[in-house]
Amino acid sequence: MTNRFKQSVLTSLLIASLGLSYNAQAAIKIYVKNCADTNVKVETFDAKDGEMSFAYQTKNVSPNESKKMKCKGQGKGFCNVITCNGSKGTAKKVKKNKWIKMESCTAYEKNFDSEPNCD
């Protein structure tokens, strides 16, 4: 094998491995619908962030408003979600491309396939 060929193969392998690593860490999206009478603070955490030490995103969602949020699914296919300054023990697992419906800071339903109504 020539040096040029070896270098080309190594470069190709490096680029391929970087691409696979990037795809495994790609952000997934979830959706939040606030059906409460007040603003709701929502934080998302990566799926493998069991300590929930660093929020991937934090958003305030107004009454009757919907928002798209993201986290790194890390091959698990869900985001950990904390609402209304809740504790780590109150985190909800919301699956990729699904909805969570907030009725208050403690009342919620999760994993809707489409945007829920507030009735």
PDB file of N, CA and C in Angstrom:
ATOM      1  N   MET A   1       0.839  -1.181   0.000  1.00  0.00           N
ATOM      2  CA  MET A   1       0.000   0.000   0.000  1.00  0.00           C
ATOM      3  C   MET A   1       0.878   1.235   0.000  1.00  0.00           C
ATOM      4  N   THR A   2       0.467   2.169  -0.787  1.00  0.00           N
ATOM      5  CA  THR A   2       1.217   3.418  -0.825  1.00  0.00           C
ATOM      6  C   THR A   2       0.821   4.299   0.351  1.00  0.00           C
ATOM      7  N   ASN A   3       1.701   5.218   0.671  1.00  0.00           N
ATOM      8  CA  ASN A   3       1.408   6.144   1.770  1.00  0.00           C
ATOM      9  C   ASN A   3       0.177   6.996   1.469  1.00  0.00           C
ATOM     10  N   ARG A   4       0.051   7.374   0.221  1.00  0.00           N
ATOM     11  CA  ARG A   4      -1.101   8.204  -0.172  1.00  0.00           C
ATOM     12  C   ARG A   4      -2.404   7.442   0.023  1.00  0.00           C
ATOM     13  N   PHE A   5      -2.431   6.159  -0.334  1.00  0.00           N
ATOM     14  CA  PHE A   5      -3.625   5.333  -0.171  1.00  0.00           C
ATOM     15  C   PHE A   5      -3.944   5.142   1.309  1.00  0.00           C
ATOM     16  N   LYS A   6      -2.928   4.849   2.131  1.00  0.00           N
ATOM     17  CA  LYS A   6      -3.128   4.694   3.571  1.00  0.00           C
ATOM     18  C   LYS A   6      -3.706   5.973   4.184  1.00  0.00           C
ATOM     19  N   GLN A   7      -3.152   7.090   3.771  1.00  0.00           N
ATOM     20  CA  GLN A   7      -3.620   8.379   4.288  1.00  0.00           C
ATOM     21  C   GLN A   7      -5.074   8.625   3.886  1.00  0.00           C
ATOM     22  N   SER A   8      -5.432   8.262   2.672  1.00  0.00           N
ATOM     23  CA  SER A   8      -6.799   8.431   2.184  1.00  0.00           C
ATOM     24  C   SER A   8      -7.774   7.553   2.973  1.00  0.00           C
ATOM     25  N   VAL A   9      -7.376   6.306   3.236  1.00  0.00           N
ATOM     26  CA  VAL A   9      -8.228   5.388   3.995  1.00  0.00           C
ATOM     27  C   VAL A   9      -8.407   5.897   5.420  1.00  0.00           C
ATOM     28  N   LEU A  10      -7.344   6.311   6.070  1.00  0.00           N
ATOM     29  CA  LEU A  10      -7.423   6.826   7.433  1.00  0.00           C
ATOM     30  C   LEU A  10      -8.290   8.080   7.513  1.00  0.00           C
ATOM     31  N   THR A  11      -8.142   8.956   6.542  1.00  0.00           N
ATOM     32  CA  THR A  11      -8.964  10.171   6.501  1.00  0.00           C
ATOM     33  C   THR A  11     -10.433   9.814   6.344  1.00  0.00           C
ATOM     34  N   SER A  12     -10.733   8.877   5.478  1.00  0.00           N
ATOM     35  CA  SER A  12     -12.127   8.445   5.270  1.00  0.00           C
ATOM     36  C   SER A  12     -12.711   7.838   6.539  1.00  0.00           C
ATOM     37  N   LEU A  13     -11.944   7.012   7.227  1.00  0.00           N
ATOM     38  CA  LEU A  13     -12.414   6.405   8.469  1.00  0.00           C
ATOM     39  C   LEU A  13     -12.655   7.461   9.549  1.00  0.00           C
ATOM     40  N   LEU A  14     -11.775   8.425   9.634  1.00  0.00           N
ATOM     41  CA  LEU A  14     -11.931   9.490  10.619  1.00  0.00           C
ATOM     42  C   LEU A  14     -13.201  10.295  10.347  1.00  0.00           C
ATOM     43  N   ILE A  15     -13.416  10.655   9.106  1.00  0.00           N
ATOM     44  CA  ILE A  15     -14.613  11.425   8.739  1.00  0.00           C
ATOM     45  C   ILE A  15     -15.875  10.608   9.017  1.00  0.00           C
ATOM     46  N   ALA A  16     -15.861   9.320   8.697  1.00  0.00           N
ATOM     47  CA  ALA A  16     -17.026   8.465   8.938  1.00  0.00           C
ATOM     48  C   ALA A  16     -17.311   8.352  10.427  1.00  0.00           C
ATOM     49  N   SER A  17     -16.275   8.179  11.248  1.00  0.00           N
ATOM     50  CA  SER A  17     -16.501   8.043  12.688  1.00  0.00           C
ATOM     51  C   SER A  17     -17.013   9.344  13.289  1.00  0.00           C
ATOM     52  N   LEU A  18     -16.542  10.480  12.811  1.00  0.00           N
ATOM     53  CA  LEU A  18     -17.057  11.762  13.289  1.00  0.00           C
ATOM     54  C   LEU A  18     -18.526  11.919  12.923  1.00  0.00           C
ATOM     55  N   GLY A  19     -18.882  11.491  11.747  1.00  0.00           N
ATOM     56  CA  GLY A  19     -20.279  11.572  11.312  1.00  0.00           C
ATOM     57  C   GLY A  19     -21.180  10.697  12.162  1.00  0.00           C
ATOM     58  N   LEU A  20     -20.748   9.487  12.481  1.00  0.00           N
ATOM     59  CA  LEU A  20     -21.546   8.594  13.321  1.00  0.00           C
ATOM     60  C   LEU A  20     -21.678   9.157  14.727  1.00  0.00           C
ATOM     61  N   SER A  21     -20.608   9.708  15.245  1.00  0.00           N
ATOM     62  CA  SER A  21     -20.643  10.295  16.582  1.00  0.00           C
ATOM     63  C   SER A  21     -21.606  11.472  16.620  1.00  0.00           C
ATOM     64  N   TYR A  22     -21.578  12.302  15.600  1.00  0.00           N
ATOM     65  CA  TYR A  22     -22.467  13.460  15.546  1.00  0.00           C
ATOM     66  C   TYR A  22     -23.928  13.014  15.495  1.00  0.00           C
ATOM     67  N   ASN A  23     -24.242  12.024  14.662  1.00  0.00           N
ATOM     68  CA  ASN A  23     -25.627  11.565  14.540  1.00  0.00           C
ATOM     69  C   ASN A  23     -26.145  10.964  15.841  1.00  0.00           C
ATOM     70  N   ALA A  24     -25.292  10.286  16.592  1.00  0.00           N
ATOM     71  CA  ALA A  24     -25.712   9.694  17.852  1.00  0.00           C
ATOM     72  C   ALA A  24     -26.030  10.774  18.885  1.00  0.00           C
ATOM     73  N   GLN A  25     -25.470  11.950  18.712  1.00  0.00           N
ATOM     74  CA  GLN A  25     -25.688  13.028  19.660  1.00  0.00           C
ATOM     75  C   GLN A  25     -26.669  14.074  19.127  1.00  0.00           C
ATOM     76  N   ALA A  26     -27.324  13.795  18.024  1.00  0.00           N
ATOM     77  CA  ALA A  26     -28.244  14.767  17.432  1.00  0.00           C
ATOM     78  C   ALA A  26     -29.400  15.065  18.380  1.00  0.00           C
ATOM     79  N   ALA A  27     -29.840  16.306  18.356  1.00  0.00           N
ATOM     80  CA  ALA A  27     -30.945  16.728  19.222  1.00  0.00           C
ATOM     81  C   ALA A  27     -32.265  16.154  18.712  1.00  0.00           C
ATOM     82  N   ILE A  28     -33.125  15.781  19.659  1.00  0.00           N
ATOM     83  CA  ILE A  28     -34.480  15.369  19.325  1.00  0.00           C
ATOM     84  C   ILE A  28     -35.427  16.459  19.817  1.00  0.00           C
ATOM     85  N   LYS A  29     -36.636  16.463  19.289  1.00  0.00           N
ATOM     86  CA  LYS A  29     -37.588  17.506  19.686  1.00  0.00           C
ATOM     87  C   LYS A  29     -38.801  16.901  20.369  1.00  0.00           C
ATOM     88  N   ILE A  30     -39.341  17.693  21.274  1.00  0.00           N
ATOM     89  CA  ILE A  30     -40.603  17.382  21.934  1.00  0.00           C
ATOM     90  C   ILE A  30     -41.425  18.665  21.899  1.00  0.00           C
ATOM     91  N   TYR A  31     -42.685  18.577  22.298  1.00  0.00           N
ATOM     92  CA  TYR A  31     -43.553  19.751  22.259  1.00  0.00           C
ATOM     93  C   TYR A  31     -44.277  19.905  23.591  1.00  0.00           C
ATOM     94  N   VAL A  32     -44.489  21.150  23.985  1.00  0.00           N
ATOM     95  CA  VAL A  32     -45.165  21.468  25.239  1.00  0.00           C
ATOM     96  C   VAL A  32     -46.391  22.308  24.934  1.00  0.00           C
ATOM     97  N   LYS A  33     -47.533  21.936  25.504  1.00  0.00           N
ATOM     98  CA  LYS A  33     -48.773  22.714  25.401  1.00  0.00           C
ATOM     99  C   LYS A  33     -49.149  23.133  26.813  1.00  0.00           C
ATOM    100  N   ASN A  34     -49.254  24.448  27.049  1.00  0.00           N
ATOM    101  CA  ASN A  34     -49.611  24.954  28.371  1.00  0.00           C
ATOM    102  C   ASN A  34     -51.102  25.237  28.422  1.00  0.00           C
ATOM    103  N   CYS A  35     -51.830  24.419  29.168  1.00  0.00           N
ATOM    104  CA  CYS A  35     -53.265  24.606  29.359  1.00  0.00           C
ATOM    105  C   CYS A  35     -53.562  25.174  30.750  1.00  0.00           C
ATOM    106  N   ALA A  36     -52.525  25.582  31.477  1.00  0.00           N
ATOM    107  CA  ALA A  36     -52.696  26.189  32.802  1.00  0.00           C
ATOM    108  C   ALA A  36     -53.070  27.658  32.649  1.00  0.00           C
ATOM    109  N   ASP A  37     -53.510  28.260  33.753  1.00  0.00           N
ATOM    110  CA  ASP A  37     -53.898  29.676  33.745  1.00  0.00           C
ATOM    111  C   ASP A  37     -52.713  30.616  33.898  1.00  0.00           C
ATOM    112  N   THR A  38     -51.526  30.080  34.165  1.00  0.00           N
ATOM    113  CA  THR A  38     -50.340  30.892  34.384  1.00  0.00           C
ATOM    114  C   THR A  38     -49.199  30.400  33.504  1.00  0.00           C
ATOM    115  N   ASN A  39     -48.136  31.195  33.446  1.00  0.00           N
ATOM    116  CA  ASN A  39     -46.936  30.768  32.728  1.00  0.00           C
ATOM    117  C   ASN A  39     -46.359  29.525  33.383  1.00  0.00           C
ATOM    118  N   VAL A  40     -45.775  28.666  32.559  1.00  0.00           N
ATOM    119  CA  VAL A  40     -45.147  27.449  33.046  1.00  0.00           C
ATOM    120  C   VAL A  40     -43.695  27.455  32.567  1.00  0.00           C
ATOM    121  N   LYS A  41     -42.768  27.267  33.510  1.00  0.00           N
ATOM    122  CA  LYS A  41     -41.350  27.133  33.169  1.00  0.00           C
ATOM    123  C   LYS A  41     -41.075  25.665  32.875  1.00  0.00           C
ATOM    124  N   VAL A  42     -40.447  25.396  31.735  1.00  0.00           N
ATOM    125  CA  VAL A  42     -40.154  24.023  31.331  1.00  0.00           C
ATOM    126  C   VAL A  42     -38.663  23.913  31.026  1.00  0.00           C
ATOM    127  N   GLU A  43     -38.033  22.873  31.571  1.00  0.00           N
ATOM    128  CA  GLU A  43     -36.624  22.603  31.317  1.00  0.00           C
ATOM    129  C   GLU A  43     -36.482  21.209  30.735  1.00  0.00           C
ATOM    130  N   THR A  44     -35.646  21.068  29.711  1.00  0.00           N
ATOM    131  CA  THR A  44     -35.355  19.749  29.155  1.00  0.00           C
ATOM    132  C   THR A  44     -33.921  19.367  29.501  1.00  0.00           C
ATOM    133  N   PHE A  45     -33.719  18.057  29.673  1.00  0.00           N
ATOM    134  CA  PHE A  45     -32.411  17.503  29.984  1.00  0.00           C
ATOM    135  C   PHE A  45     -32.160  16.318  29.067  1.00  0.00           C
ATOM    136  N   ASP A  46     -30.912  16.072  28.749  1.00  0.00           N
ATOM    137  CA  ASP A  46     -30.557  14.934  27.916  1.00  0.00           C
ATOM    138  C   ASP A  46     -31.007  13.630  28.579  1.00  0.00           C
ATOM    139  N   ALA A  47     -31.271  12.635  27.754  1.00  0.00           N
ATOM    140  CA  ALA A  47     -31.802  11.363  28.250  1.00  0.00           C
ATOM    141  C   ALA A  47     -30.887  10.692  29.274  1.00  0.00           C
ATOM    142  N   LYS A  48     -29.586  10.772  29.081  1.00  0.00           N
ATOM    143  CA  LYS A  48     -28.650  10.111  29.995  1.00  0.00           C
ATOM    144  C   LYS A  48     -28.173  11.023  31.122  1.00  0.00           C
ATOM    145  N   ASP A  49     -28.743  12.207  31.236  1.00  0.00           N
ATOM    146  CA  ASP A  49     -28.376  13.127  32.316  1.00  0.00           C
ATOM    147  C   ASP A  49     -29.258  12.821  33.526  1.00  0.00           C
ATOM    148  N   GLY A  50     -28.995  11.688  34.166  1.00  0.00           N
ATOM    149  CA  GLY A  50     -29.790  11.251  35.303  1.00  0.00           C
ATOM    150  C   GLY A  50     -29.749  12.211  36.473  1.00  0.00           C
ATOM    151  N   GLU A  51     -28.655  12.933  36.616  1.00  0.00           N
ATOM    152  CA  GLU A  51     -28.521  13.918  37.688  1.00  0.00           C
ATOM    153  C   GLU A  51     -29.252  15.219  37.351  1.00  0.00           C
ATOM    154  N   MET A  52     -29.598  15.379  36.081  1.00  0.00           N
ATOM    155  CA  MET A  52     -30.238  16.598  35.589  1.00  0.00           C
ATOM    156  C   MET A  52     -29.502  17.835  36.095  1.00  0.00           C
ATOM    157  N   SER A  53     -28.203  17.828  35.818  1.00  0.00           N
ATOM    158  CA  SER A  53     -27.333  18.879  36.323  1.00  0.00           C
ATOM    159  C   SER A  53     -27.233  20.071  35.383  1.00  0.00           C
ATOM    160  N   PHE A  54     -27.536  19.879  34.115  1.00  0.00           N
ATOM    161  CA  PHE A  54     -27.412  20.976  33.154  1.00  0.00           C
ATOM    162  C   PHE A  54     -28.582  20.926  32.180  1.00  0.00           C
ATOM    163  N   ALA A  55     -29.456  21.908  32.263  1.00  0.00           N
ATOM    164  CA  ALA A  55     -30.616  21.951  31.363  1.00  0.00           C
ATOM    165  C   ALA A  55     -30.155  22.182  29.930  1.00  0.00           C
ATOM    166  N   TYR A  56     -30.681  21.379  29.007  1.00  0.00           N
ATOM    167  CA  TYR A  56     -30.394  21.575  27.583  1.00  0.00           C
ATOM    168  C   TYR A  56     -31.121  22.825  27.094  1.00  0.00           C
ATOM    169  N   GLN A  57     -32.373  22.994  27.531  1.00  0.00           N
ATOM    170  CA  GLN A  57     -33.171  24.169  27.183  1.00  0.00           C
ATOM    171  C   GLN A  57     -34.064  24.541  28.351  1.00  0.00           C
ATOM    172  N   THR A  58     -34.338  25.833  28.472  1.00  0.00           N
ATOM    173  CA  THR A  58     -35.300  26.341  29.443  1.00  0.00           C
ATOM    174  C   THR A  58     -36.180  27.341  28.721  1.00  0.00           C
ATOM    175  N   LYS A  59     -37.500  27.159  28.836  1.00  0.00           N
ATOM    176  CA  LYS A  59     -38.445  28.081  28.205  1.00  0.00           C
ATOM    177  C   LYS A  59     -39.608  28.353  29.138  1.00  0.00           C
ATOM    178  N   ASN A  60     -40.137  29.569  29.063  1.00  0.00           N
ATOM    179  CA  ASN A  60     -41.384  29.913  29.734  1.00  0.00           C
ATOM    180  C   ASN A  60     -42.489  29.815  28.696  1.00  0.00           C
ATOM    181  N   VAL A  61     -43.544  29.092  29.039  1.00  0.00           N
ATOM    182  CA  VAL A  61     -44.641  28.867  28.104  1.00  0.00           C
ATOM    183  C   VAL A  61     -45.882  29.556  28.666  1.00  0.00           C
ATOM    184  N   SER A  62     -46.435  30.487  27.906  1.00  0.00           N
ATOM    185  CA  SER A  62     -47.619  31.243  28.324  1.00  0.00           C
ATOM    186  C   SER A  62     -48.875  30.381  28.238  1.00  0.00           C
ATOM    187  N   PRO A  63     -49.951  30.788  28.925  1.00  0.00           N
ATOM    188  CA  PRO A  63     -51.210  30.041  28.841  1.00  0.00           C
ATOM    189  C   PRO A  63     -51.681  29.874  27.394  1.00  0.00           C
ATOM    190  N   ASN A  64     -52.154  28.694  27.056  1.00  0.00           N
ATOM    191  CA  ASN A  64     -52.649  28.327  25.724  1.00  0.00           C
ATOM    192  C   ASN A  64     -51.582  28.399  24.634  1.00  0.00           C
ATOM    193  N   GLU A  65     -50.336  28.442  25.011  1.00  0.00           N
ATOM    194  CA  GLU A  65     -49.243  28.503  24.048  1.00  0.00           C
ATOM    195  C   GLU A  65     -48.595  27.131  23.902  1.00  0.00           C
ATOM    196  N   SER A  66     -48.055  26.868  22.720  1.00  0.00           N
ATOM    197  CA  SER A  66     -47.297  25.650  22.444  1.00  0.00           C
ATOM    198  C   SER A  66     -45.870  26.032  22.090  1.00  0.00           C
ATOM    199  N   LYS A  67     -44.925  25.197  22.510  1.00  0.00           N
ATOM    200  CA  LYS A  67     -43.516  25.438  22.176  1.00  0.00           C
ATOM    201  C   LYS A  67     -42.831  24.122  21.842  1.00  0.00           C
ATOM    202  N   LYS A  68     -41.895  24.222  20.906  1.00  0.00           N
ATOM    203  CA  LYS A  68     -41.033  23.084  20.570  1.00  0.00           C
ATOM    204  C   LYS A  68     -39.782  23.211  21.427  1.00  0.00           C
ATOM    205  N   MET A  69     -39.343  22.083  21.991  1.00  0.00           N
ATOM    206  CA  MET A  69     -38.131  22.063  22.790  1.00  0.00           C
ATOM    207  C   MET A  69     -37.252  20.903  22.338  1.00  0.00           C
ATOM    208  N   LYS A  70     -35.991  20.937  22.744  1.00  0.00           N
ATOM    209  CA  LYS A  70     -35.042  19.915  22.317  1.00  0.00           C
ATOM    210  C   LYS A  70     -34.203  19.411  23.474  1.00  0.00           C
ATOM    211  N   CYS A  71     -33.592  18.245  23.258  1.00  0.00           N
ATOM    212  CA  CYS A  71     -32.571  17.676  24.128  1.00  0.00           C
ATOM    213  C   CYS A  71     -31.799  16.676  23.281  1.00  0.00           C
ATOM    214  N   LYS A  72     -30.774  16.095  23.850  1.00  0.00           N
ATOM    215  CA  LYS A  72     -30.076  15.000  23.176  1.00  0.00           C
ATOM    216  C   LYS A  72     -30.679  13.701  23.673  1.00  0.00           C
ATOM    217  N   GLY A  73     -31.251  12.941  22.754  1.00  0.00           N
ATOM    218  CA  GLY A  73     -31.891  11.680  23.115  1.00  0.00           C
ATOM    219  C   GLY A  73     -30.902  10.581  23.460  1.00  0.00           C
ATOM    220  N   GLN A  74     -29.670  10.707  22.982  1.00  0.00           N
ATOM    221  CA  GLN A  74     -28.573   9.787  23.300  1.00  0.00           C
ATOM    222  C   GLN A  74     -28.951   8.326  23.111  1.00  0.00           C
ATOM    223  N   GLY A  75     -29.693   8.062  22.041  1.00  0.00           N
ATOM    224  CA  GLY A  75     -30.078   6.692  21.718  1.00  0.00           C
ATOM    225  C   GLY A  75     -31.245   6.163  22.532  1.00  0.00           C
ATOM    226  N   LYS A  76     -31.776   6.940  23.452  1.00  0.00           N
ATOM    227  CA  LYS A  76     -32.890   6.519  24.306  1.00  0.00           C
ATOM    228  C   LYS A  76     -34.244   6.952  23.741  1.00  0.00           C
ATOM    229  N   GLY A  77     -34.269   8.034  22.952  1.00  0.00           N
ATOM    230  CA  GLY A  77     -35.513   8.465  22.312  1.00  0.00           C
ATOM    231  C   GLY A  77     -36.445   9.273  23.190  1.00  0.00           C
ATOM    232  N   PHE A  78     -35.932   9.893  24.247  1.00  0.00           N
ATOM    233  CA  PHE A  78     -36.783  10.742  25.077  1.00  0.00           C
ATOM    234  C   PHE A  78     -35.966  11.880  25.691  1.00  0.00           C
ATOM    235  N   CYS A  79     -36.678  12.884  26.182  1.00  0.00           N
ATOM    236  CA  CYS A  79     -36.085  13.967  26.967  1.00  0.00           C
ATOM    237  C   CYS A  79     -36.618  13.855  28.389  1.00  0.00           C
ATOM    238  N   ASN A  80     -35.782  14.168  29.352  1.00  0.00           N
ATOM    239  CA  ASN A  80     -36.254  14.356  30.721  1.00  0.00           C
ATOM    240  C   ASN A  80     -36.769  15.784  30.807  1.00  0.00           C
ATOM    241  N   VAL A  81     -37.948  15.975  31.401  1.00  0.00           N
ATOM    242  CA  VAL A  81     -38.575  17.291  31.463  1.00  0.00           C
ATOM    243  C   VAL A  81     -38.946  17.613  32.907  1.00  0.00           C
ATOM    244  N   ILE A  82     -38.558  18.802  33.358  1.00  0.00           N
ATOM    245  CA  ILE A  82     -38.960  19.314  34.671  1.00  0.00           C
ATOM    246  C   ILE A  82     -39.775  20.575  34.424  1.00  0.00           C
ATOM    247  N   THR A  83     -40.891  20.724  35.141  1.00  0.00           N
ATOM    248  CA  THR A  83     -41.752  21.887  34.965  1.00  0.00           C
ATOM    249  C   THR A  83     -41.871  22.695  36.252  1.00  0.00           C
ATOM    250  N   CYS A  84     -42.081  23.982  36.096  1.00  0.00           N
ATOM    251  CA  CYS A  84     -42.402  24.887  37.214  1.00  0.00           C
ATOM    252  C   CYS A  84     -41.428  24.808  38.372  1.00  0.00           C
ATOM    253  N   ASN A  85     -40.132  24.853  38.077  1.00  0.00           N
ATOM    254  CA  ASN A  85     -39.119  24.795  39.139  1.00  0.00           C
ATOM    255  C   ASN A  85     -39.247  23.539  39.984  1.00  0.00           C
ATOM    256  N   GLY A  86     -39.710  22.464  39.382  1.00  0.00           N
ATOM    257  CA  GLY A  86     -39.877  21.208  40.106  1.00  0.00           C
ATOM    258  C   GLY A  86     -38.541  20.608  40.498  1.00  0.00           C
ATOM    259  N   SER A  87     -38.598  19.587  41.306  1.00  0.00           N
ATOM    260  CA  SER A  87     -37.375  18.914  41.736  1.00  0.00           C
ATOM    261  C   SER A  87     -36.999  17.842  40.717  1.00  0.00           C
ATOM    262  N   LYS A  88     -35.784  17.369  40.829  1.00  0.00           N
ATOM    263  CA  LYS A  88     -35.300  16.346  39.908  1.00  0.00           C
ATOM    264  C   LYS A  88     -36.148  15.077  39.988  1.00  0.00           C
ATOM    265  N   GLY A  89     -36.708  14.815  41.150  1.00  0.00           N
ATOM    266  CA  GLY A  89     -37.538  13.630  41.325  1.00  0.00           C
ATOM    267  C   GLY A  89     -38.860  13.705  40.595  1.00  0.00           C
ATOM    268  N   THR A  90     -39.234  14.901  40.122  1.00  0.00           N
ATOM    269  CA  THR A  90     -40.507  15.050  39.411  1.00  0.00           C
ATOM    270  C   THR A  90     -40.328  15.069  37.896  1.00  0.00           C
ATOM    271  N   ALA A  91     -39.154  14.717  37.415  1.00  0.00           N
ATOM    272  CA  ALA A  91     -38.908  14.733  35.972  1.00  0.00           C
ATOM    273  C   ALA A  91     -39.823  13.749  35.253  1.00  0.00           C
ATOM    274  N   LYS A  92     -40.275  14.150  34.076  1.00  0.00           N
ATOM    275  CA  LYS A  92     -41.104  13.297  33.224  1.00  0.00           C
ATOM    276  C   LYS A  92     -40.279  12.887  32.010  1.00  0.00           C
ATOM    277  N   LYS A  93     -40.494  11.705  31.508  1.00  0.00           N
ATOM    278  CA  LYS A  93     -39.848  11.259  30.281  1.00  0.00           C
ATOM    279  C   LYS A  93     -40.833  11.490  29.144  1.00  0.00           C
ATOM    280  N   VAL A  94     -40.461  12.382  28.238  1.00  0.00           N
ATOM    281  CA  VAL A  94     -41.313  12.672  27.086  1.00  0.00           C
ATOM    282  C   VAL A  94     -40.607  12.137  25.848  1.00  0.00           C
ATOM    283  N   LYS A  95     -41.295  11.266  25.127  1.00  0.00           N
ATOM    284  CA  LYS A  95     -40.709  10.598  23.975  1.00  0.00           C
ATOM    285  C   LYS A  95     -40.514  11.559  22.801  1.00  0.00           C
ATOM    286  N   LYS A  96     -39.577  11.195  21.948  1.00  0.00           N
ATOM    287  CA  LYS A  96     -39.248  11.959  20.748  1.00  0.00           C
ATOM    288  C   LYS A  96     -40.501  12.258  19.921  1.00  0.00           C
ATOM    289  N   ASN A  97     -40.643  13.512  19.505  1.00  0.00           N
ATOM    290  CA  ASN A  97     -41.738  14.003  18.664  1.00  0.00           C
ATOM    291  C   ASN A  97     -43.115  13.911  19.319  1.00  0.00           C
ATOM    292  N   LYS A  98     -43.159  13.785  20.644  1.00  0.00           N
ATOM    293  CA  LYS A  98     -44.443  13.706  21.356  1.00  0.00           C
ATOM    294  C   LYS A  98     -44.714  15.013  22.097  1.00  0.00           C
ATOM    295  N   TRP A  99     -45.925  15.130  22.597  1.00  0.00           N
ATOM    296  CA  TRP A  99     -46.410  16.321  23.295  1.00  0.00           C
ATOM    297  C   TRP A  99     -46.589  16.047  24.780  1.00  0.00           C
ATOM    298  N   ILE A 100     -46.382  17.087  25.590  1.00  0.00           N
ATOM    299  CA  ILE A 100     -46.759  17.072  26.993  1.00  0.00           C
ATOM    300  C   ILE A 100     -47.756  18.214  27.188  1.00  0.00           C
ATOM    301  N   LYS A 101     -48.843  17.920  27.893  1.00  0.00           N
ATOM    302  CA  LYS A 101     -49.905  18.899  28.142  1.00  0.00           C
ATOM    303  C   LYS A 101     -49.886  19.265  29.624  1.00  0.00           C
ATOM    304  N   MET A 102     -49.673  20.542  29.912  1.00  0.00           N
ATOM    305  CA  MET A 102     -49.618  21.027  31.293  1.00  0.00           C
ATOM    306  C   MET A 102     -50.959  21.644  31.659  1.00  0.00           C
ATOM    307  N   GLU A 103     -51.556  21.179  32.753  1.00  0.00           N
ATOM    308  CA  GLU A 103     -52.798  21.763  33.266  1.00  0.00           C
ATOM    309  C   GLU A 103     -52.507  22.623  34.484  1.00  0.00           C
ATOM    310  N   SER A 104     -51.395  22.329  35.144  1.00  0.00           N
ATOM    311  CA  SER A 104     -50.859  23.116  36.258  1.00  0.00           C
ATOM    312  C   SER A 104     -49.414  22.660  36.414  1.00  0.00           C
ATOM    313  N   CYS A 105     -48.755  23.142  37.434  1.00  0.00           N
ATOM    314  CA  CYS A 105     -47.364  22.727  37.634  1.00  0.00           C
ATOM    315  C   CYS A 105     -47.246  21.266  38.027  1.00  0.00           C
ATOM    316  N   THR A 106     -48.300  20.693  38.570  1.00  0.00           N
ATOM    317  CA  THR A 106     -48.228  19.299  39.010  1.00  0.00           C
ATOM    318  C   THR A 106     -49.119  18.363  38.195  1.00  0.00           C
ATOM    319  N   ALA A 107     -50.105  18.906  37.507  1.00  0.00           N
ATOM    320  CA  ALA A 107     -51.006  18.064  36.711  1.00  0.00           C
ATOM    321  C   ALA A 107     -50.579  18.125  35.248  1.00  0.00           C
ATOM    322  N   TYR A 108     -50.336  16.978  34.669  1.00  0.00           N
ATOM    323  CA  TYR A 108     -49.886  16.915  33.288  1.00  0.00           C
ATOM    324  C   TYR A 108     -50.289  15.581  32.679  1.00  0.00           C
ATOM    325  N   GLU A 109     -50.307  15.567  31.371  1.00  0.00           N
ATOM    326  CA  GLU A 109     -50.427  14.326  30.610  1.00  0.00           C
ATOM    327  C   GLU A 109     -49.308  14.367  29.593  1.00  0.00           C
ATOM    328  N   LYS A 110     -48.777  13.220  29.204  1.00  0.00           N
ATOM    329  CA  LYS A 110     -47.626  13.233  28.313  1.00  0.00           C
ATOM    330  C   LYS A 110     -47.760  12.211  27.198  1.00  0.00           C
ATOM    331  N   ASN A 111     -46.899  12.404  26.205  1.00  0.00           N
ATOM    332  CA  ASN A 111     -46.736  11.518  25.059  1.00  0.00           C
ATOM    333  C   ASN A 111     -47.954  11.447  24.149  1.00  0.00           C
ATOM    334  N   PHE A 112     -48.566  12.614  23.890  1.00  0.00           N
ATOM    335  CA  PHE A 112     -49.603  12.726  22.865  1.00  0.00           C
ATOM    336  C   PHE A 112     -48.930  12.658  21.497  1.00  0.00           C
ATOM    337  N   ASP A 113     -49.633  12.084  20.522  1.00  0.00           N
ATOM    338  CA  ASP A 113     -49.097  12.026  19.165  1.00  0.00           C
ATOM    339  C   ASP A 113     -49.265  13.344  18.412  1.00  0.00           C
ATOM    340  N   SER A 114     -50.251  14.137  18.788  1.00  0.00           N
ATOM    341  CA  SER A 114     -50.472  15.431  18.139  1.00  0.00           C
ATOM    342  C   SER A 114     -50.827  16.470  19.205  1.00  0.00           C
ATOM    343  N   GLU A 115     -50.889  17.720  18.800  1.00  0.00           N
ATOM    344  CA  GLU A 115     -51.136  18.798  19.755  1.00  0.00           C
ATOM    345  C   GLU A 115     -52.469  18.597  20.473  1.00  0.00           C
ATOM    346  N   PRO A 116     -52.426  18.535  21.823  1.00  0.00           N
ATOM    347  CA  PRO A 116     -53.680  18.357  22.581  1.00  0.00           C
ATOM    348  C   PRO A 116     -54.469  19.640  22.674  1.00  0.00           C
ATOM    349  N   ASN A 117     -55.775  19.520  22.909  1.00  0.00           N
ATOM    350  CA  ASN A 117     -56.637  20.677  23.121  1.00  0.00           C
ATOM    351  C   ASN A 117     -56.652  21.034  24.604  1.00  0.00           C
ATOM    352  N   CYS A 118     -56.957  22.293  24.878  1.00  0.00           N
ATOM    353  CA  CYS A 118     -57.076  22.757  26.270  1.00  0.00           C
ATOM    354  C   CYS A 118     -58.552  22.861  26.643  1.00  0.00           C
ATOM    355  N   ASP A 119     -59.268  21.743  26.714  1.00  0.00           N
ATOM    356  CA  ASP A 119     -60.669  21.808  27.129  1.00  0.00           C
ATOM    357  C   ASP A 119     -60.970  20.883  28.254  1.00  0.00           C
TER     358      ASP A 119
END
